[in-house]
């Protein structure tokens, strides 16, 4: 989606299904992730995410994540 010399951005779309002892919950995900490349293959990223829950208590959930990707 977006590409630069040491960074790139991606649109993320997905789905999840889970359950507990009583209910089954389905979640649709959509979001944006931007990653910055560092030395030796390490990467730093931030992610914006919106979840749409089917069968759960909350219909919409919004979140932000920050992280480090370490090459193994």
N, C-alpha and C. Protein backbone atom coordinates (compact mmCIF):
# COMPACT_ATOMS: atom_id res chain seq x y z
N UNK A 1 0.81 -1.17 0.00
CA UNK A 1 0.00 0.00 0.00
C UNK A 1 0.87 1.26 0.00
N UNK A 2 1.82 1.36 0.93
CA UNK A 2 2.77 2.47 0.96
C UNK A 2 4.16 1.88 1.11
N UNK A 3 5.11 2.38 0.33
CA UNK A 3 6.47 1.85 0.41
C UNK A 3 7.45 3.01 0.33
N UNK A 4 8.45 2.99 1.20
CA UNK A 4 9.54 3.96 1.21
C UNK A 4 10.87 3.22 1.30
N UNK A 5 11.92 3.94 1.51
CA UNK A 5 13.25 3.32 1.55
C UNK A 5 13.40 2.34 2.72
N UNK A 6 13.03 2.77 3.92
CA UNK A 6 13.17 1.91 5.10
C UNK A 6 11.85 1.67 5.83
N UNK A 7 10.74 1.84 5.14
CA UNK A 7 9.45 1.62 5.78
C UNK A 7 8.42 1.18 4.75
N UNK A 8 7.35 0.55 5.24
CA UNK A 8 6.23 0.18 4.37
C UNK A 8 4.96 0.05 5.21
N UNK A 9 3.82 0.27 4.55
CA UNK A 9 2.52 0.17 5.21
C UNK A 9 1.64 -0.86 4.52
N UNK A 10 0.81 -1.53 5.31
CA UNK A 10 -0.06 -2.59 4.77
C UNK A 10 -1.47 -2.43 5.31
N UNK A 11 -2.44 -2.69 4.47
CA UNK A 11 -3.83 -2.82 4.89
C UNK A 11 -4.03 -4.27 5.32
N UNK A 12 -4.60 -4.46 6.52
CA UNK A 12 -4.79 -5.81 7.04
C UNK A 12 -6.28 -6.10 7.16
N UNK A 13 -6.70 -7.24 6.62
CA UNK A 13 -8.09 -7.67 6.68
C UNK A 13 -8.10 -9.15 7.10
N UNK A 14 -8.98 -9.52 8.03
CA UNK A 14 -9.01 -10.91 8.46
C UNK A 14 -10.26 -11.22 9.26
N UNK A 15 -10.34 -12.45 9.74
CA UNK A 15 -11.48 -12.90 10.54
C UNK A 15 -11.00 -13.93 11.55
N UNK A 16 -11.73 -14.01 12.67
CA UNK A 16 -11.44 -14.97 13.73
C UNK A 16 -12.74 -15.56 14.24
N UNK A 17 -12.67 -16.77 14.74
CA UNK A 17 -13.81 -17.43 15.38
C UNK A 17 -13.29 -18.06 16.66
N UNK A 18 -14.06 -17.90 17.73
CA UNK A 18 -13.66 -18.49 19.00
C UNK A 18 -14.88 -18.83 19.82
N UNK A 19 -14.65 -19.51 20.95
CA UNK A 19 -15.77 -19.88 21.82
C UNK A 19 -15.29 -20.02 23.25
N UNK A 20 -16.26 -19.96 24.15
CA UNK A 20 -16.03 -20.32 25.54
C UNK A 20 -16.98 -21.48 25.85
N UNK A 21 -17.34 -21.66 27.09
CA UNK A 21 -18.22 -22.79 27.43
C UNK A 21 -19.67 -22.56 27.04
N UNK A 22 -20.04 -21.29 26.69
CA UNK A 22 -21.43 -21.00 26.40
C UNK A 22 -21.71 -20.50 24.99
N UNK A 23 -20.85 -19.64 24.44
CA UNK A 23 -21.15 -18.96 23.18
C UNK A 23 -20.01 -19.10 22.17
N UNK A 24 -20.39 -18.94 20.91
CA UNK A 24 -19.42 -18.85 19.82
C UNK A 24 -19.38 -17.39 19.38
N UNK A 25 -18.18 -16.88 19.17
CA UNK A 25 -18.00 -15.47 18.81
C UNK A 25 -17.23 -15.40 17.50
N UNK A 26 -17.71 -14.58 16.56
CA UNK A 26 -17.01 -14.32 15.32
C UNK A 26 -16.55 -12.88 15.30
N UNK A 27 -15.34 -12.62 14.79
CA UNK A 27 -14.79 -11.27 14.75
C UNK A 27 -14.20 -11.01 13.37
N UNK A 28 -14.58 -9.88 12.78
CA UNK A 28 -13.96 -9.42 11.54
C UNK A 28 -12.97 -8.32 11.88
N UNK A 29 -11.78 -8.36 11.29
CA UNK A 29 -10.73 -7.39 11.58
C UNK A 29 -10.42 -6.58 10.33
N UNK A 30 -10.18 -5.30 10.51
CA UNK A 30 -9.65 -4.46 9.45
C UNK A 30 -8.73 -3.45 10.14
N UNK A 31 -7.61 -3.16 9.49
CA UNK A 31 -6.68 -2.24 10.11
C UNK A 31 -5.53 -1.86 9.18
N UNK A 32 -4.63 -1.08 9.72
CA UNK A 32 -3.47 -0.61 9.00
C UNK A 32 -2.23 -0.85 9.85
N UNK A 33 -1.16 -1.34 9.24
CA UNK A 33 0.10 -1.57 9.94
C UNK A 33 1.22 -0.87 9.18
N UNK A 34 2.06 -0.14 9.91
CA UNK A 34 3.20 0.53 9.30
C UNK A 34 4.46 0.03 9.99
N UNK A 35 5.45 -0.41 9.19
CA UNK A 35 6.66 -1.03 9.71
C UNK A 35 7.89 -0.25 9.26
N UNK A 36 8.83 -0.07 10.20
CA UNK A 36 10.10 0.60 9.93
C UNK A 36 11.23 -0.40 10.10
N UNK A 37 12.10 -0.52 9.09
CA UNK A 37 13.23 -1.46 9.14
C UNK A 37 14.39 -0.83 9.90
N UNK A 38 15.00 -1.62 10.80
CA UNK A 38 16.17 -1.20 11.56
C UNK A 38 17.37 -2.05 11.16
N UNK A 39 18.44 -1.98 11.91
CA UNK A 39 19.65 -2.75 11.63
C UNK A 39 19.45 -4.24 11.92
N UNK A 40 20.18 -5.08 11.24
CA UNK A 40 20.23 -6.53 11.46
C UNK A 40 18.88 -7.21 11.32
N UNK A 41 17.97 -6.67 10.53
CA UNK A 41 16.68 -7.31 10.29
C UNK A 41 15.60 -6.99 11.31
N UNK A 42 15.90 -6.22 12.35
CA UNK A 42 14.89 -5.85 13.34
C UNK A 42 13.93 -4.86 12.71
N UNK A 43 12.67 -4.89 13.15
CA UNK A 43 11.65 -3.96 12.64
C UNK A 43 10.81 -3.45 13.81
N UNK A 44 10.39 -2.20 13.72
CA UNK A 44 9.48 -1.58 14.68
C UNK A 44 8.18 -1.30 13.93
N UNK A 45 7.03 -1.57 14.56
CA UNK A 45 5.77 -1.35 13.86
C UNK A 45 4.73 -0.72 14.79
N UNK A 46 3.76 -0.05 14.18
CA UNK A 46 2.55 0.38 14.87
C UNK A 46 1.36 -0.08 14.04
N UNK A 47 0.27 -0.35 14.73
CA UNK A 47 -0.89 -0.93 14.06
C UNK A 47 -2.17 -0.29 14.61
N UNK A 48 -3.06 0.11 13.73
CA UNK A 48 -4.40 0.56 14.08
C UNK A 48 -5.37 -0.54 13.67
N UNK A 49 -6.32 -0.88 14.53
CA UNK A 49 -7.17 -2.03 14.25
C UNK A 49 -8.61 -1.76 14.69
N UNK A 50 -9.55 -2.18 13.87
CA UNK A 50 -10.97 -2.11 14.17
C UNK A 50 -11.55 -3.52 14.09
N UNK A 51 -12.23 -3.95 15.14
CA UNK A 51 -12.84 -5.28 15.17
C UNK A 51 -14.36 -5.14 15.22
N UNK A 52 -15.04 -5.95 14.44
CA UNK A 52 -16.50 -6.02 14.45
C UNK A 52 -16.87 -7.40 14.99
N UNK A 53 -17.52 -7.42 16.15
CA UNK A 53 -17.81 -8.66 16.85
C UNK A 53 -19.23 -9.12 16.57
N UNK A 54 -19.38 -10.39 16.26
CA UNK A 54 -20.69 -11.01 16.02
C UNK A 54 -20.93 -12.02 17.14
N UNK A 55 -21.94 -11.79 17.93
CA UNK A 55 -22.27 -12.71 19.01
C UNK A 55 -21.58 -12.39 20.32
N UNK A 56 -20.89 -11.26 20.42
CA UNK A 56 -20.22 -10.88 21.66
C UNK A 56 -20.93 -9.72 22.35
N UNK A 57 -20.40 -9.27 23.46
CA UNK A 57 -21.01 -8.17 24.21
C UNK A 57 -20.78 -6.83 23.52
N UNK A 58 -19.58 -6.62 22.95
CA UNK A 58 -19.25 -5.38 22.26
C UNK A 58 -19.36 -5.58 20.76
N UNK A 59 -20.02 -4.66 20.07
CA UNK A 59 -20.14 -4.76 18.62
C UNK A 59 -18.87 -4.28 17.93
N UNK A 60 -18.35 -3.14 18.37
CA UNK A 60 -17.14 -2.57 17.75
C UNK A 60 -16.04 -2.42 18.80
N UNK A 61 -14.81 -2.74 18.41
CA UNK A 61 -13.65 -2.53 19.26
C UNK A 61 -12.56 -1.88 18.42
N UNK A 62 -11.90 -0.89 18.97
CA UNK A 62 -10.81 -0.20 18.29
C UNK A 62 -9.57 -0.32 19.14
N UNK A 63 -8.41 -0.52 18.48
CA UNK A 63 -7.18 -0.66 19.24
C UNK A 63 -5.96 -0.16 18.49
N UNK A 64 -4.91 0.08 19.25
CA UNK A 64 -3.61 0.49 18.73
C UNK A 64 -2.57 -0.44 19.33
N UNK A 65 -1.63 -0.87 18.52
CA UNK A 65 -0.55 -1.73 19.01
C UNK A 65 0.79 -1.17 18.55
N UNK A 66 1.80 -1.29 19.41
CA UNK A 66 3.18 -0.96 19.09
C UNK A 66 4.00 -2.20 19.34
N UNK A 67 5.00 -2.46 18.51
CA UNK A 67 5.78 -3.66 18.73
C UNK A 67 7.11 -3.68 18.00
N UNK A 68 7.87 -4.74 18.26
CA UNK A 68 9.17 -4.97 17.65
C UNK A 68 9.16 -6.36 17.05
N UNK A 69 9.59 -6.48 15.79
CA UNK A 69 9.73 -7.79 15.13
C UNK A 69 11.21 -8.16 15.16
N UNK A 70 11.52 -9.29 15.77
CA UNK A 70 12.90 -9.75 15.93
C UNK A 70 13.15 -10.93 15.00
N UNK A 71 14.18 -10.88 14.15
CA UNK A 71 14.46 -12.03 13.28
C UNK A 71 15.05 -13.18 14.09
N UNK A 72 14.57 -14.36 13.82
CA UNK A 72 15.08 -15.55 14.53
C UNK A 72 15.80 -16.44 13.56
